[in-house]
């Protein structure tokens, strides 16, 4: 029985240190072949993935000795959490380690939209010097609507406040007495009211049935025609066709998307709009965030293999099989 299978490109000093202690097999392209992955997974006690490997119930059934799945990222969109829980497999992830990087990117996108930085840059590189065409707007005094006021939403809002922005928030899991909202002096309100008031809307939501295409034509109609829409969370929360229509009809001033409904996406209408910034899911991709994420997931996988509870577990922190063995031995 081998220790750890890494089915995507997860590298760094923490992985090297893990390989010095355990039998680690890194096959960075294995996620592309689910059949081969199912054949291989039965040899290992741990699996480490990013967001490309589909950790399905079928895959977990093929891994009778699997103790832990380590997901190097903030969500579990690609992991069948119910199946893992039923099998008694620990699901470790990194909920906070990339939060600063995503928040900084959201702020960068706000400024880039408000000052039309990408378009002005491209035009100037073509040899033009058109200052009047790129008259932007300040963020100072404007209202930022945070949709999903978790760690990333909070960190985005604290940085926006430093720019002189007012904060409103929508989050069904919080109430107005939440200490972080109090610290932000943020008003908590329903989503439709937030959309009507905000000059910038920044999305920080998980992929879930309740959030699927939450931002659709009806929601975009509630926003100001001068407002900007930013999504650094999950592409599934936006109906891209409705966003395109809102931008074409000038019911929105602009949008910035770091995430897409399908990744990588097919080139479409969004790519042709001048008031849209598109990035290839870069939110967590800073050197610092990647080091923190990799270190945290390697530490948790090592802890589980050594019989210790995971520190960043979603659900059970100790494998059910290990607990049962401990009871028998006791």
C-alpha atoms as a PDB file:
ATOM      1  CA  UNK A   1       0.000   0.000   0.000  1.00  0.00           C
ATOM      2  CA  UNK A   2       1.369   3.392  -1.055  1.00  0.00           C
ATOM      3  CA  UNK A   3       0.803   6.658   0.790  1.00  0.00           C
ATOM      4  CA  UNK A   4      -0.123   9.672  -1.337  1.00  0.00           C
ATOM      5  CA  UNK A   5      -1.274  10.191  -4.916  1.00  0.00           C
ATOM      6  CA  UNK A   6      -1.167  13.741  -6.325  1.00  0.00           C
ATOM      7  CA  UNK A   7      -3.329  13.903  -9.453  1.00  0.00           C
ATOM      8  CA  UNK A   8      -2.708  17.553 -10.403  1.00  0.00           C
ATOM      9  CA  UNK A   9       0.110  20.079 -10.511  1.00  0.00           C
ATOM     10  CA  UNK A  10       0.796  20.603  -6.797  1.00  0.00           C
ATOM     11  CA  UNK A  11       4.447  21.352  -6.160  1.00  0.00           C
ATOM     12  CA  UNK A  12       6.731  23.263  -3.823  1.00  0.00           C
ATOM     13  CA  UNK A  13       8.869  22.928  -0.737  1.00  0.00           C
ATOM     14  CA  UNK A  14       5.997  21.509   1.320  1.00  0.00           C
ATOM     15  CA  UNK A  15       5.438  18.715  -1.221  1.00  0.00           C
ATOM     16  CA  UNK A  16       9.167  17.965  -1.232  1.00  0.00           C
ATOM     17  CA  UNK A  17       9.125  17.740   2.569  1.00  0.00           C
ATOM     18  CA  UNK A  18       6.090  15.455   2.397  1.00  0.00           C
ATOM     19  CA  UNK A  19       7.860  13.194  -0.096  1.00  0.00           C
ATOM     20  CA  UNK A  20      10.801  12.895   2.290  1.00  0.00           C
ATOM     21  CA  UNK A  21       8.468  11.387   4.909  1.00  0.00           C
ATOM     22  CA  UNK A  22       5.984   9.418   2.805  1.00  0.00           C
ATOM     23  CA  UNK A  23       5.736   7.479  -0.446  1.00  0.00           C
ATOM     24  CA  UNK A  24       4.363  10.175  -2.789  1.00  0.00           C
ATOM     25  CA  UNK A  25       3.418   9.675  -6.456  1.00  0.00           C
ATOM     26  CA  UNK A  26       2.918  12.891  -8.441  1.00  0.00           C
ATOM     27  CA  UNK A  27       1.050  12.434 -11.722  1.00  0.00           C
ATOM     28  CA  UNK A  28       0.083  15.988 -12.653  1.00  0.00           C
ATOM     29  CA  UNK A  29      -2.040  15.026 -15.670  1.00  0.00           C
ATOM     30  CA  UNK A  30      -3.838  12.065 -14.142  1.00  0.00           C
ATOM     31  CA  UNK A  31      -6.995  14.133 -13.568  1.00  0.00           C
ATOM     32  CA  UNK A  32      -7.489  14.183 -17.345  1.00  0.00           C
ATOM     33  CA  UNK A  33      -8.088  10.411 -17.417  1.00  0.00           C
ATOM     34  CA  UNK A  34     -10.754   9.398 -14.864  1.00  0.00           C
ATOM     35  CA  UNK A  35     -10.499   5.741 -15.844  1.00  0.00           C
ATOM     36  CA  UNK A  36      -6.759   5.643 -15.164  1.00  0.00           C
ATOM     37  CA  UNK A  37      -7.303   7.515 -11.901  1.00  0.00           C
ATOM     38  CA  UNK A  38      -9.834   4.910 -10.743  1.00  0.00           C
ATOM     39  CA  UNK A  39      -7.329   2.154 -11.529  1.00  0.00           C
ATOM     40  CA  UNK A  40      -4.572   3.891  -9.568  1.00  0.00           C
ATOM     41  CA  UNK A  41      -6.459   5.194  -6.547  1.00  0.00           C
ATOM     42  CA  UNK A  42      -6.864   1.780  -4.927  1.00  0.00           C
ATOM     43  CA  UNK A  43      -3.112   1.683  -4.230  1.00  0.00           C
ATOM     44  CA  UNK A  44      -3.099   4.779  -1.981  1.00  0.00           C
ATOM     45  CA  UNK A  45      -4.117   5.982   1.472  1.00  0.00           C
ATOM     46  CA  UNK A  46      -4.361   9.670   0.497  1.00  0.00           C
ATOM     47  CA  UNK A  47      -5.286  11.729  -2.551  1.00  0.00           C
ATOM     48  CA  UNK A  48      -4.259  15.358  -3.123  1.00  0.00           C
ATOM     49  CA  UNK A  49      -6.078  17.477  -5.740  1.00  0.00           C
ATOM     50  CA  UNK A  50      -6.764  21.045  -6.815  1.00  0.00           C
ATOM     51  CA  UNK A  51     -10.009  21.822  -8.668  1.00  0.00           C
ATOM     52  CA  UNK A  52      -9.646  19.707 -11.817  1.00  0.00           C
ATOM     53  CA  UNK A  53      -9.871  16.186 -10.389  1.00  0.00           C
ATOM     54  CA  UNK A  54     -13.467  15.007 -10.043  1.00  0.00           C
ATOM     55  CA  UNK A  55     -13.586  13.140  -6.740  1.00  0.00           C
ATOM     56  CA  UNK A  56     -16.808  11.236  -7.331  1.00  0.00           C
ATOM     57  CA  UNK A  57     -18.582   8.526  -5.366  1.00  0.00           C
ATOM     58  CA  UNK A  58     -17.436   6.062  -8.026  1.00  0.00           C
ATOM     59  CA  UNK A  59     -13.815   7.096  -7.528  1.00  0.00           C
ATOM     60  CA  UNK A  60     -14.079   6.785  -3.749  1.00  0.00           C
ATOM     61  CA  UNK A  61     -15.616   3.308  -4.079  1.00  0.00           C
ATOM     62  CA  UNK A  62     -12.493   2.271  -5.976  1.00  0.00           C
ATOM     63  CA  UNK A  63     -10.321   3.338  -3.017  1.00  0.00           C
ATOM     64  CA  UNK A  64     -11.072   1.029  -0.061  1.00  0.00           C
ATOM     65  CA  UNK A  65      -7.921   2.089   1.815  1.00  0.00           C
ATOM     66  CA  UNK A  66      -8.310   5.842   1.271  1.00  0.00           C
ATOM     67  CA  UNK A  67      -8.199   7.842   4.496  1.00  0.00           C
ATOM     68  CA  UNK A  68      -8.040  11.454   3.340  1.00  0.00           C
ATOM     69  CA  UNK A  69      -8.669  13.674   0.325  1.00  0.00           C
ATOM     70  CA  UNK A  70      -6.649  16.891   0.446  1.00  0.00           C
ATOM     71  CA  UNK A  71      -8.149  19.678  -1.688  1.00  0.00           C
ATOM     72  CA  UNK A  72      -5.661  22.517  -2.255  1.00  0.00           C
ATOM     73  CA  UNK A  73      -8.234  25.283  -2.432  1.00  0.00           C
ATOM     74  CA  UNK A  74     -11.069  27.058  -0.705  1.00  0.00           C
ATOM     75  CA  UNK A  75     -14.056  25.022  -1.898  1.00  0.00           C
ATOM     76  CA  UNK A  76     -15.095  21.416  -2.399  1.00  0.00           C
ATOM     77  CA  UNK A  77     -16.923  21.907  -5.704  1.00  0.00           C
ATOM     78  CA  UNK A  78     -15.125  18.959  -7.314  1.00  0.00           C
ATOM     79  CA  UNK A  79     -15.465  16.597  -4.335  1.00  0.00           C
ATOM     80  CA  UNK A  80     -18.561  14.543  -3.560  1.00  0.00           C
ATOM     81  CA  UNK A  81     -18.601  15.526   0.099  1.00  0.00           C
ATOM     82  CA  UNK A  82     -21.606  13.328   0.950  1.00  0.00           C
ATOM     83  CA  UNK A  83     -19.947  10.228  -0.508  1.00  0.00           C
ATOM     84  CA  UNK A  84     -16.705  10.957   1.343  1.00  0.00           C
ATOM     85  CA  UNK A  85     -18.577  11.458   4.605  1.00  0.00           C
ATOM     86  CA  UNK A  86     -20.451   8.169   4.169  1.00  0.00           C
ATOM     87  CA  UNK A  87     -17.164   6.392   3.514  1.00  0.00           C
ATOM     88  CA  UNK A  88     -15.576   7.935   6.594  1.00  0.00           C
ATOM     89  CA  UNK A  89     -12.917   9.691   4.524  1.00  0.00           C
ATOM     90  CA  UNK A  90     -11.482  12.966   5.806  1.00  0.00           C
ATOM     91  CA  UNK A  91     -11.880  15.939   3.475  1.00  0.00           C
ATOM     92  CA  UNK A  92      -9.205  18.525   4.128  1.00  0.00           C
ATOM     93  CA  UNK A  93      -9.204  21.874   2.353  1.00  0.00           C
ATOM     94  CA  UNK A  94      -7.751  25.375   2.755  1.00  0.00           C
ATOM     95  CA  UNK A  95     -10.590  27.799   3.562  1.00  0.00           C
ATOM     96  CA  UNK A  96      -8.507  30.841   4.547  1.00  0.00           C
ATOM     97  CA  UNK A  97      -5.041  30.468   3.102  1.00  0.00           C
ATOM     98  CA  UNK A  98      -5.693  32.261  -0.186  1.00  0.00           C
ATOM     99  CA  UNK A  99      -8.154  34.852   1.136  1.00  0.00           C
ATOM    100  CA  UNK A 100      -5.745  37.798   1.088  1.00  0.00           C
ATOM    101  CA  UNK A 101      -4.739  37.182  -2.517  1.00  0.00           C
ATOM    102  CA  UNK A 102      -8.352  36.937  -3.717  1.00  0.00           C
ATOM    103  CA  UNK A 103      -9.316  40.091  -1.817  1.00  0.00           C
ATOM    104  CA  UNK A 104      -6.397  42.008  -3.307  1.00  0.00           C
ATOM    105  CA  UNK A 105      -7.389  40.860  -6.791  1.00  0.00           C
ATOM    106  CA  UNK A 106     -10.976  42.021  -6.244  1.00  0.00           C
ATOM    107  CA  UNK A 107      -9.707  45.468  -5.281  1.00  0.00           C
ATOM    108  CA  UNK A 108      -7.405  45.518  -8.300  1.00  0.00           C
ATOM    109  CA  UNK A 109     -10.332  44.693 -10.582  1.00  0.00           C
ATOM    110  CA  UNK A 110     -12.442  47.472  -9.051  1.00  0.00           C
ATOM    111  CA  UNK A 111      -9.738  50.032  -9.718  1.00  0.00           C
ATOM    112  CA  UNK A 112      -9.078  48.647 -13.195  1.00  0.00           C
ATOM    113  CA  UNK A 113     -12.753  48.961 -14.138  1.00  0.00           C
ATOM    114  CA  UNK A 114     -13.216  52.403 -12.616  1.00  0.00           C
ATOM    115  CA  UNK A 115     -10.122  53.783 -14.376  1.00  0.00           C
ATOM    116  CA  UNK A 116     -10.434  51.677 -17.568  1.00  0.00           C
ATOM    117  CA  UNK A 117      -6.829  50.567 -17.112  1.00  0.00           C
ATOM    118  CA  UNK A 118      -6.759  47.550 -19.481  1.00  0.00           C
ATOM    119  CA  UNK A 119      -8.434  49.422 -22.360  1.00  0.00           C
ATOM    120  CA  UNK A 120      -6.285  52.529 -21.901  1.00  0.00           C
ATOM    121  CA  UNK A 121      -3.160  50.374 -21.706  1.00  0.00           C
ATOM    122  CA  UNK A 122      -3.979  48.532 -24.931  1.00  0.00           C
ATOM    123  CA  UNK A 123      -4.843  51.770 -26.750  1.00  0.00           C
ATOM    124  CA  UNK A 124      -1.654  53.493 -25.624  1.00  0.00           C
ATOM    125  CA  UNK A 125       0.473  50.534 -26.694  1.00  0.00           C
ATOM    126  CA  UNK A 126      -1.022  50.901 -30.145  1.00  0.00           C
ATOM    127  CA  UNK A 127       0.552  54.376 -30.290  1.00  0.00           C
ATOM    128  CA  UNK A 128      -2.418  56.505 -29.241  1.00  0.00           C
ATOM    129  CA  UNK A 129      -2.598  59.136 -26.483  1.00  0.00           C
ATOM    130  CA  UNK A 130      -6.338  59.547 -25.954  1.00  0.00           C
ATOM    131  CA  UNK A 131      -6.762  61.021 -22.479  1.00  0.00           C
ATOM    132  CA  UNK A 132     -10.339  62.217 -22.986  1.00  0.00           C
ATOM    133  CA  UNK A 133     -11.549  58.789 -24.054  1.00  0.00           C
ATOM    134  CA  UNK A 134     -10.420  57.236 -20.779  1.00  0.00           C
ATOM    135  CA  UNK A 135     -11.821  59.608 -18.189  1.00  0.00           C
ATOM    136  CA  UNK A 136     -12.602  57.275 -15.295  1.00  0.00           C
ATOM    137  CA  UNK A 137     -14.299  57.572 -11.931  1.00  0.00           C
ATOM    138  CA  UNK A 138     -13.142  57.488  -8.310  1.00  0.00           C
ATOM    139  CA  UNK A 139     -14.031  54.745  -5.879  1.00  0.00           C
ATOM    140  CA  UNK A 140     -13.896  57.216  -2.994  1.00  0.00           C
ATOM    141  CA  UNK A 141     -17.361  57.811  -1.571  1.00  0.00           C
ATOM    142  CA  UNK A 142     -18.905  55.008  -3.625  1.00  0.00           C
ATOM    143  CA  UNK A 143     -20.831  52.055  -2.165  1.00  0.00           C
ATOM    144  CA  UNK A 144     -19.416  48.537  -2.385  1.00  0.00           C
ATOM    145  CA  UNK A 145     -21.903  45.684  -2.173  1.00  0.00           C
ATOM    146  CA  UNK A 146     -20.331  42.511  -0.777  1.00  0.00           C
ATOM    147  CA  UNK A 147     -22.362  39.415  -1.671  1.00  0.00           C
ATOM    148  CA  UNK A 148     -21.100  36.691   0.660  1.00  0.00           C
ATOM    149  CA  UNK A 149     -19.449  38.267   3.686  1.00  0.00           C
ATOM    150  CA  UNK A 150     -17.132  35.427   4.676  1.00  0.00           C
ATOM    151  CA  UNK A 151     -13.382  35.742   5.106  1.00  0.00           C
ATOM    152  CA  UNK A 152     -12.662  36.877   1.523  1.00  0.00           C
ATOM    153  CA  UNK A 153     -15.639  39.236   1.457  1.00  0.00           C
ATOM    154  CA  UNK A 154     -14.555  40.730   4.770  1.00  0.00           C
ATOM    155  CA  UNK A 155     -10.949  41.234   3.650  1.00  0.00           C
ATOM    156  CA  UNK A 156     -12.147  42.819   0.399  1.00  0.00           C
ATOM    157  CA  UNK A 157     -14.388  45.186   2.334  1.00  0.00           C
ATOM    158  CA  UNK A 158     -11.640  46.236   4.769  1.00  0.00           C
ATOM    159  CA  UNK A 159      -9.423  47.193   1.828  1.00  0.00           C
ATOM    160  CA  UNK A 160     -12.282  49.029   0.141  1.00  0.00           C
ATOM    161  CA  UNK A 161     -12.894  51.035   3.298  1.00  0.00           C
ATOM    162  CA  UNK A 162      -9.272  52.190   3.154  1.00  0.00           C
ATOM    163  CA  UNK A 163     -10.181  53.665  -0.254  1.00  0.00           C
ATOM    164  CA  UNK A 164     -13.054  55.578   1.320  1.00  0.00           C
ATOM    165  CA  UNK A 165     -15.850  53.297   0.150  1.00  0.00           C
ATOM    166  CA  UNK A 166     -19.075  52.611   2.042  1.00  0.00           C
ATOM    167  CA  UNK A 167     -19.951  48.954   2.619  1.00  0.00           C
ATOM    168  CA  UNK A 168     -23.256  47.114   2.330  1.00  0.00           C
ATOM    169  CA  UNK A 169     -23.478  43.344   2.569  1.00  0.00           C
ATOM    170  CA  UNK A 170     -25.752  40.404   1.866  1.00  0.00           C
ATOM    171  CA  UNK A 171     -25.179  37.075   3.588  1.00  0.00           C
ATOM    172  CA  UNK A 172     -27.990  34.749   4.763  1.00  0.00           C
ATOM    173  CA  UNK A 173     -25.724  33.203   7.408  1.00  0.00           C
ATOM    174  CA  UNK A 174     -24.992  36.467   9.222  1.00  0.00           C
ATOM    175  CA  UNK A 175     -27.023  38.947  11.236  1.00  0.00           C
ATOM    176  CA  UNK A 176     -26.492  42.649  11.795  1.00  0.00           C
ATOM    177  CA  UNK A 177     -24.788  42.006  15.143  1.00  0.00           C
ATOM    178  CA  UNK A 178     -21.972  40.032  13.520  1.00  0.00           C
ATOM    179  CA  UNK A 179     -18.725  41.461  14.871  1.00  0.00           C
ATOM    180  CA  UNK A 180     -17.054  41.655  11.455  1.00  0.00           C
ATOM    181  CA  UNK A 181     -19.977  43.581   9.974  1.00  0.00           C
ATOM    182  CA  UNK A 182     -19.895  45.900  12.980  1.00  0.00           C
ATOM    183  CA  UNK A 183     -16.178  46.467  12.445  1.00  0.00           C
ATOM    184  CA  UNK A 184     -16.863  47.359   8.812  1.00  0.00           C
ATOM    185  CA  UNK A 185     -19.809  49.571   9.769  1.00  0.00           C
ATOM    186  CA  UNK A 186     -21.606  47.602   7.068  1.00  0.00           C
ATOM    187  CA  UNK A 187     -25.370  47.513   6.648  1.00  0.00           C
ATOM    188  CA  UNK A 188     -26.745  43.992   6.130  1.00  0.00           C
ATOM    189  CA  UNK A 189     -29.606  43.841   3.638  1.00  0.00           C
ATOM    190  CA  UNK A 190     -31.439  41.616   1.136  1.00  0.00           C
ATOM    191  CA  UNK A 191     -29.703  41.035  -2.183  1.00  0.00           C
ATOM    192  CA  UNK A 192     -32.133  43.063  -4.296  1.00  0.00           C
ATOM    193  CA  UNK A 193     -31.751  46.101  -2.050  1.00  0.00           C
ATOM    194  CA  UNK A 194     -27.971  45.771  -2.143  1.00  0.00           C
ATOM    195  CA  UNK A 195     -27.999  45.666  -5.952  1.00  0.00           C
ATOM    196  CA  UNK A 196     -30.068  48.838  -6.099  1.00  0.00           C
ATOM    197  CA  UNK A 197     -27.713  50.724  -3.783  1.00  0.00           C
ATOM    198  CA  UNK A 198     -24.236  49.510  -4.760  1.00  0.00           C
ATOM    199  CA  UNK A 199     -21.885  51.224  -7.205  1.00  0.00           C
ATOM    200  CA  UNK A 200     -19.699  48.115  -7.239  1.00  0.00           C
ATOM    201  CA  UNK A 201     -20.959  44.572  -6.562  1.00  0.00           C
ATOM    202  CA  UNK A 202     -18.320  42.028  -5.563  1.00  0.00           C
ATOM    203  CA  UNK A 203     -19.295  38.341  -5.478  1.00  0.00           C
ATOM    204  CA  UNK A 204     -17.806  35.977  -2.863  1.00  0.00           C
ATOM    205  CA  UNK A 205     -20.129  32.968  -3.014  1.00  0.00           C
ATOM    206  CA  UNK A 206     -19.724  29.183  -3.090  1.00  0.00           C
ATOM    207  CA  UNK A 207     -21.092  27.036  -5.899  1.00  0.00           C
ATOM    208  CA  UNK A 208     -24.338  25.540  -4.588  1.00  0.00           C
ATOM    209  CA  UNK A 209     -27.890  24.955  -5.805  1.00  0.00           C
ATOM    210  CA  UNK A 210     -29.009  28.153  -4.035  1.00  0.00           C
ATOM    211  CA  UNK A 211     -26.367  30.259  -5.791  1.00  0.00           C
ATOM    212  CA  UNK A 212     -26.550  28.719  -9.270  1.00  0.00           C
ATOM    213  CA  UNK A 213     -27.131  31.599 -11.746  1.00  0.00           C
ATOM    214  CA  UNK A 214     -28.116  33.829  -8.832  1.00  0.00           C
ATOM    215  CA  UNK A 215     -26.998  36.745 -10.969  1.00  0.00           C
ATOM    216  CA  UNK A 216     -29.397  36.703 -13.902  1.00  0.00           C
ATOM    217  CA  UNK A 217     -31.310  39.199 -16.022  1.00  0.00           C
ATOM    218  CA  UNK A 218     -33.681  40.134 -13.197  1.00  0.00           C
ATOM    219  CA  UNK A 219     -30.796  40.811 -10.835  1.00  0.00           C
ATOM    220  CA  UNK A 220     -28.769  42.805 -13.355  1.00  0.00           C
ATOM    221  CA  UNK A 221     -31.846  44.964 -14.044  1.00  0.00           C
ATOM    222  CA  UNK A 222     -31.801  46.040 -10.403  1.00  0.00           C
ATOM    223  CA  UNK A 223     -28.265  47.407 -10.627  1.00  0.00           C
ATOM    224  CA  UNK A 224     -27.384  50.983 -11.519  1.00  0.00           C
ATOM    225  CA  UNK A 225     -26.357  51.566 -15.157  1.00  0.00           C
ATOM    226  CA  UNK A 226     -23.165  53.119 -13.753  1.00  0.00           C
ATOM    227  CA  UNK A 227     -22.378  50.069 -11.582  1.00  0.00           C
ATOM    228  CA  UNK A 228     -19.620  47.494 -11.963  1.00  0.00           C
ATOM    229  CA  UNK A 229     -19.993  43.754 -11.369  1.00  0.00           C
ATOM    230  CA  UNK A 230     -17.047  41.662 -10.137  1.00  0.00           C
ATOM    231  CA  UNK A 231     -16.895  37.909  -9.602  1.00  0.00           C
ATOM    232  CA  UNK A 232     -13.852  36.245  -8.067  1.00  0.00           C
ATOM    233  CA  UNK A 233     -15.786  33.353  -6.498  1.00  0.00           C
ATOM    234  CA  UNK A 234     -17.418  30.726  -8.737  1.00  0.00           C
ATOM    235  CA  UNK A 235     -18.500  31.081 -12.347  1.00  0.00           C
ATOM    236  CA  UNK A 236     -21.709  29.128 -11.798  1.00  0.00           C
ATOM    237  CA  UNK A 237     -23.266  31.993  -9.819  1.00  0.00           C
ATOM    238  CA  UNK A 238     -23.585  34.094 -13.007  1.00  0.00           C
ATOM    239  CA  UNK A 239     -25.774  33.578 -16.071  1.00  0.00           C
ATOM    240  CA  UNK A 240     -23.201  34.733 -18.613  1.00  0.00           C
ATOM    241  CA  UNK A 241     -25.741  35.273 -21.410  1.00  0.00           C
ATOM    242  CA  UNK A 242     -27.726  37.637 -19.172  1.00  0.00           C
ATOM    243  CA  UNK A 243     -24.545  39.473 -18.187  1.00  0.00           C
ATOM    244  CA  UNK A 244     -23.637  39.937 -21.856  1.00  0.00           C
ATOM    245  CA  UNK A 245     -27.106  41.338 -22.558  1.00  0.00           C
ATOM    246  CA  UNK A 246     -26.905  43.774 -19.630  1.00  0.00           C
ATOM    247  CA  UNK A 247     -23.514  45.036 -20.806  1.00  0.00           C
ATOM    248  CA  UNK A 248     -24.561  45.342 -24.453  1.00  0.00           C
ATOM    249  CA  UNK A 249     -27.711  47.242 -23.480  1.00  0.00           C
ATOM    250  CA  UNK A 250     -25.645  49.548 -21.217  1.00  0.00           C
ATOM    251  CA  UNK A 251     -27.545  48.491 -18.108  1.00  0.00           C
ATOM    252  CA  UNK A 252     -24.134  47.967 -16.493  1.00  0.00           C
ATOM    253  CA  UNK A 253     -20.975  50.040 -16.845  1.00  0.00           C
ATOM    254  CA  UNK A 254     -18.640  47.050 -16.802  1.00  0.00           C
ATOM    255  CA  UNK A 255     -17.749  43.672 -15.382  1.00  0.00           C
ATOM    256  CA  UNK A 256     -14.655  41.766 -14.292  1.00  0.00           C
ATOM    257  CA  UNK A 257     -14.659  37.961 -14.102  1.00  0.00           C
ATOM    258  CA  UNK A 258     -11.863  35.833 -12.713  1.00  0.00           C
ATOM    259  CA  UNK A 259     -14.025  32.711 -12.884  1.00  0.00           C
ATOM    260  CA  UNK A 260     -16.295  31.201 -15.531  1.00  0.00           C
ATOM    261  CA  UNK A 261     -19.162  28.741 -15.637  1.00  0.00           C
ATOM    262  CA  UNK A 262     -16.946  26.386 -17.667  1.00  0.00           C
ATOM    263  CA  UNK A 263     -13.182  26.510 -17.269  1.00  0.00           C
ATOM    264  CA  UNK A 264     -11.472  26.979 -19.579  1.00  0.00           C
ATOM    265  CA  UNK A 265     -14.359  28.601 -21.502  1.00  0.00           C
ATOM    266  CA  UNK A 266     -15.020  28.674 -25.206  1.00  0.00           C
ATOM    267  CA  UNK A 267     -14.438  32.089 -26.733  1.00  0.00           C
ATOM    268  CA  UNK A 268     -17.771  33.927 -26.898  1.00  0.00           C
ATOM    269  CA  UNK A 269     -19.459  37.299 -26.626  1.00  0.00           C
ATOM    270  CA  UNK A 270     -17.883  38.254 -23.306  1.00  0.00           C
ATOM    271  CA  UNK A 271     -14.461  38.206 -24.922  1.00  0.00           C
ATOM    272  CA  UNK A 272     -15.595  40.791 -27.503  1.00  0.00           C
ATOM    273  CA  UNK A 273     -16.882  43.439 -25.080  1.00  0.00           C
ATOM    274  CA  UNK A 274     -14.569  46.401 -24.363  1.00  0.00           C
ATOM    275  CA  UNK A 275     -15.896  47.017 -20.846  1.00  0.00           C
ATOM    276  CA  UNK A 276     -15.134  43.504 -19.581  1.00  0.00           C
ATOM    277  CA  UNK A 277     -11.972  42.253 -17.849  1.00  0.00           C
ATOM    278  CA  UNK A 278     -11.428  38.488 -18.064  1.00  0.00           C
ATOM    279  CA  UNK A 279      -8.822  36.533 -16.109  1.00  0.00           C
ATOM    280  CA  UNK A 280      -8.008  32.774 -16.037  1.00  0.00           C
ATOM    281  CA  UNK A 281      -9.009  32.081 -12.396  1.00  0.00           C
ATOM    282  CA  UNK A 282      -5.988  33.843 -10.883  1.00  0.00           C
ATOM    283  CA  UNK A 283      -7.466  34.776  -7.496  1.00  0.00           C
ATOM    284  CA  UNK A 284      -5.385  32.369  -5.434  1.00  0.00           C
ATOM    285  CA  UNK A 285      -2.399  32.364  -7.768  1.00  0.00           C
ATOM    286  CA  UNK A 286       0.187  34.385  -5.918  1.00  0.00           C
ATOM    287  CA  UNK A 287       3.424  32.889  -4.670  1.00  0.00           C
ATOM    288  CA  UNK A 288       2.460  33.603  -1.069  1.00  0.00           C
ATOM    289  CA  UNK A 289      -1.034  32.107  -1.271  1.00  0.00           C
ATOM    290  CA  UNK A 290       0.177  29.004  -3.093  1.00  0.00           C
ATOM    291  CA  UNK A 291       2.847  28.426  -0.462  1.00  0.00           C
ATOM    292  CA  UNK A 292       0.280  28.736   2.333  1.00  0.00           C
ATOM    293  CA  UNK A 293      -2.251  26.508   0.575  1.00  0.00           C
ATOM    294  CA  UNK A 294       0.288  23.809  -0.269  1.00  0.00           C
ATOM    295  CA  UNK A 295       1.826  23.848   3.185  1.00  0.00           C
ATOM    296  CA  UNK A 296      -1.573  23.593   4.916  1.00  0.00           C
ATOM    297  CA  UNK A 297      -2.833  20.719   2.785  1.00  0.00           C
ATOM    298  CA  UNK A 298       0.436  18.786   3.071  1.00  0.00           C
ATOM    299  CA  UNK A 299       0.400  19.193   6.846  1.00  0.00           C
ATOM    300  CA  UNK A 300      -3.182  17.934   7.097  1.00  0.00           C
ATOM    301  CA  UNK A 301      -2.584  14.918   4.865  1.00  0.00           C
ATOM    302  CA  UNK A 302       0.495  14.045   6.937  1.00  0.00           C
ATOM    303  CA  UNK A 303      -1.452  14.418  10.180  1.00  0.00           C
ATOM    304  CA  UNK A 304      -4.187  12.033   9.047  1.00  0.00           C
ATOM    305  CA  UNK A 305      -1.688   9.430   7.821  1.00  0.00           C
ATOM    306  CA  UNK A 306       0.047   9.657  11.194  1.00  0.00           C
ATOM    307  CA  UNK A 307      -3.230   9.076  13.058  1.00  0.00           C
ATOM    308  CA  UNK A 308      -3.860  12.697  14.067  1.00  0.00           C
ATOM    309  CA  UNK A 309      -6.974  14.778  13.304  1.00  0.00           C
ATOM    310  CA  UNK A 310      -6.892  17.148  10.344  1.00  0.00           C
ATOM    311  CA  UNK A 311      -6.816  20.830  11.268  1.00  0.00           C
ATOM    312  CA  UNK A 312      -8.807  22.060   8.242  1.00  0.00           C
ATOM    313  CA  UNK A 313     -11.379  19.313   7.868  1.00  0.00           C
ATOM    314  CA  UNK A 314     -14.755  19.670   6.210  1.00  0.00           C
ATOM    315  CA  UNK A 315     -16.770  17.305   8.343  1.00  0.00           C
ATOM    316  CA  UNK A 316     -14.970  14.511  10.161  1.00  0.00           C
ATOM    317  CA  UNK A 317     -11.334  15.239  11.091  1.00  0.00           C
ATOM    318  CA  UNK A 318     -10.405  11.585  11.670  1.00  0.00           C
ATOM    319  CA  UNK A 319     -11.107   8.671   9.294  1.00  0.00           C
ATOM    320  CA  UNK A 320     -14.016   6.485  10.412  1.00  0.00           C
ATOM    321  CA  UNK A 321     -11.898   3.369   9.785  1.00  0.00           C
ATOM    322  CA  UNK A 322      -9.150   4.683  12.074  1.00  0.00           C
ATOM    323  CA  UNK A 323     -11.686   5.500  14.813  1.00  0.00           C
ATOM    324  CA  UNK A 324     -13.197   2.019  14.613  1.00  0.00           C
ATOM    325  CA  UNK A 325      -9.770   0.389  14.841  1.00  0.00           C
ATOM    326  CA  UNK A 326      -8.961   2.528  17.856  1.00  0.00           C
ATOM    327  CA  UNK A 327     -12.135   1.338  19.623  1.00  0.00           C
ATOM    328  CA  UNK A 328     -11.267  -2.305  18.975  1.00  0.00           C
ATOM    329  CA  UNK A 329      -7.723  -1.814  20.213  1.00  0.00           C
ATOM    330  CA  UNK A 330      -8.964  -0.022  23.297  1.00  0.00           C
END
